[in-house]
Amino acid sequence: MFHYKWKKIIIICLLFTLIFFSTITPNIILPKQSAIAVQEQDWEMFLQEK
């Protein structure tokens, strides 16, 4: 019985760690970047070149 309690605790800790690393760590490593504002004239020139 004591053995099963430790198994449960270890599994819960591992799940918590997995959730922590999968949600918080990517936001720290890869912060969201805002889109770059392009003026209309520059956009038209870019489209004409393509």
C-alpha atoms as a PDB file:
ATOM      1  CA  MET A   1       0.000   0.000   0.000  1.00  0.00           C
ATOM      2  CA  PHE A   2       2.829   2.371   0.843  1.00  0.00           C
ATOM      3  CA  HIS A   3       4.430   1.523  -2.500  1.00  0.00           C
ATOM      4  CA  TYR A   4       1.301   2.560  -4.447  1.00  0.00           C
ATOM      5  CA  LYS A   5       1.149   5.897  -2.647  1.00  0.00           C
ATOM      6  CA  TRP A   6       4.695   6.741  -3.767  1.00  0.00           C
ATOM      7  CA  LYS A   7       3.857   5.692  -7.334  1.00  0.00           C
ATOM      8  CA  LYS A   8       0.909   8.069  -7.344  1.00  0.00           C
ATOM      9  CA  ILE A   9       2.998  10.936  -5.981  1.00  0.00           C
ATOM     10  CA  ILE A  10       5.751  10.370  -8.548  1.00  0.00           C
ATOM     11  CA  ILE A  11       3.277  10.190 -11.451  1.00  0.00           C
ATOM     12  CA  ILE A  12       1.505  13.372 -10.336  1.00  0.00           C
ATOM     13  CA  CYS A  13       4.831  15.195 -10.018  1.00  0.00           C
ATOM     14  CA  LEU A  14       5.903  14.039 -13.466  1.00  0.00           C
ATOM     15  CA  LEU A  15       2.601  15.137 -14.999  1.00  0.00           C
ATOM     16  CA  PHE A  16       2.831  18.515 -13.308  1.00  0.00           C
ATOM     17  CA  THR A  17       6.405  18.942 -14.580  1.00  0.00           C
ATOM     18  CA  LEU A  18       5.368  17.973 -18.100  1.00  0.00           C
ATOM     19  CA  ILE A  19       2.492  20.464 -18.091  1.00  0.00           C
ATOM     20  CA  PHE A  20       4.758  23.175 -16.679  1.00  0.00           C
ATOM     21  CA  PHE A  21       7.433  22.679 -19.338  1.00  0.00           C
ATOM     22  CA  SER A  22       4.954  22.362 -22.196  1.00  0.00           C
ATOM     23  CA  THR A  23       3.092  25.594 -21.379  1.00  0.00           C
ATOM     24  CA  ILE A  24       5.485  28.006 -19.705  1.00  0.00           C
ATOM     25  CA  THR A  25       8.879  27.177 -21.197  1.00  0.00           C
ATOM     26  CA  PRO A  26       7.962  27.798 -24.878  1.00  0.00           C
ATOM     27  CA  ASN A  27       6.647  31.249 -23.930  1.00  0.00           C
ATOM     28  CA  ILE A  28       9.995  32.064 -22.321  1.00  0.00           C
ATOM     29  CA  ILE A  29      12.132  30.609 -25.107  1.00  0.00           C
ATOM     30  CA  LEU A  30       9.989  31.833 -28.013  1.00  0.00           C
ATOM     31  CA  PRO A  31       8.256  35.051 -26.982  1.00  0.00           C
ATOM     32  CA  LYS A  32       5.421  36.165 -29.204  1.00  0.00           C
ATOM     33  CA  GLN A  33       6.536  38.790 -31.659  1.00  0.00           C
ATOM     34  CA  SER A  34       4.251  41.465 -32.948  1.00  0.00           C
ATOM     35  CA  ALA A  35       3.661  41.828 -36.654  1.00  0.00           C
ATOM     36  CA  ILE A  36       5.685  44.486 -38.442  1.00  0.00           C
ATOM     37  CA  ALA A  37       3.634  47.360 -39.782  1.00  0.00           C
ATOM     38  CA  VAL A  38       4.244  47.959 -43.492  1.00  0.00           C
ATOM     39  CA  GLN A  39       3.313  51.192 -45.159  1.00  0.00           C
ATOM     40  CA  GLU A  40       0.962  50.891 -48.103  1.00  0.00           C
ATOM     41  CA  GLN A  41       3.507  52.341 -50.551  1.00  0.00           C
ATOM     42  CA  ASP A  42       6.125  49.784 -49.545  1.00  0.00           C
ATOM     43  CA  TRP A  43       3.592  46.962 -49.880  1.00  0.00           C
ATOM     44  CA  GLU A  44       2.616  48.101 -53.393  1.00  0.00           C
ATOM     45  CA  MET A  45       6.279  48.286 -54.403  1.00  0.00           C
ATOM     46  CA  PHE A  46       6.888  44.796 -53.026  1.00  0.00           C
ATOM     47  CA  LEU A  47       3.931  43.391 -54.951  1.00  0.00           C
ATOM     48  CA  GLN A  48       5.076  45.038 -58.192  1.00  0.00           C
ATOM     49  CA  GLU A  49       8.557  43.527 -57.836  1.00  0.00           C
ATOM     50  CA  LYS A  50       7.051  40.051 -57.458  1.00  0.00           C
END
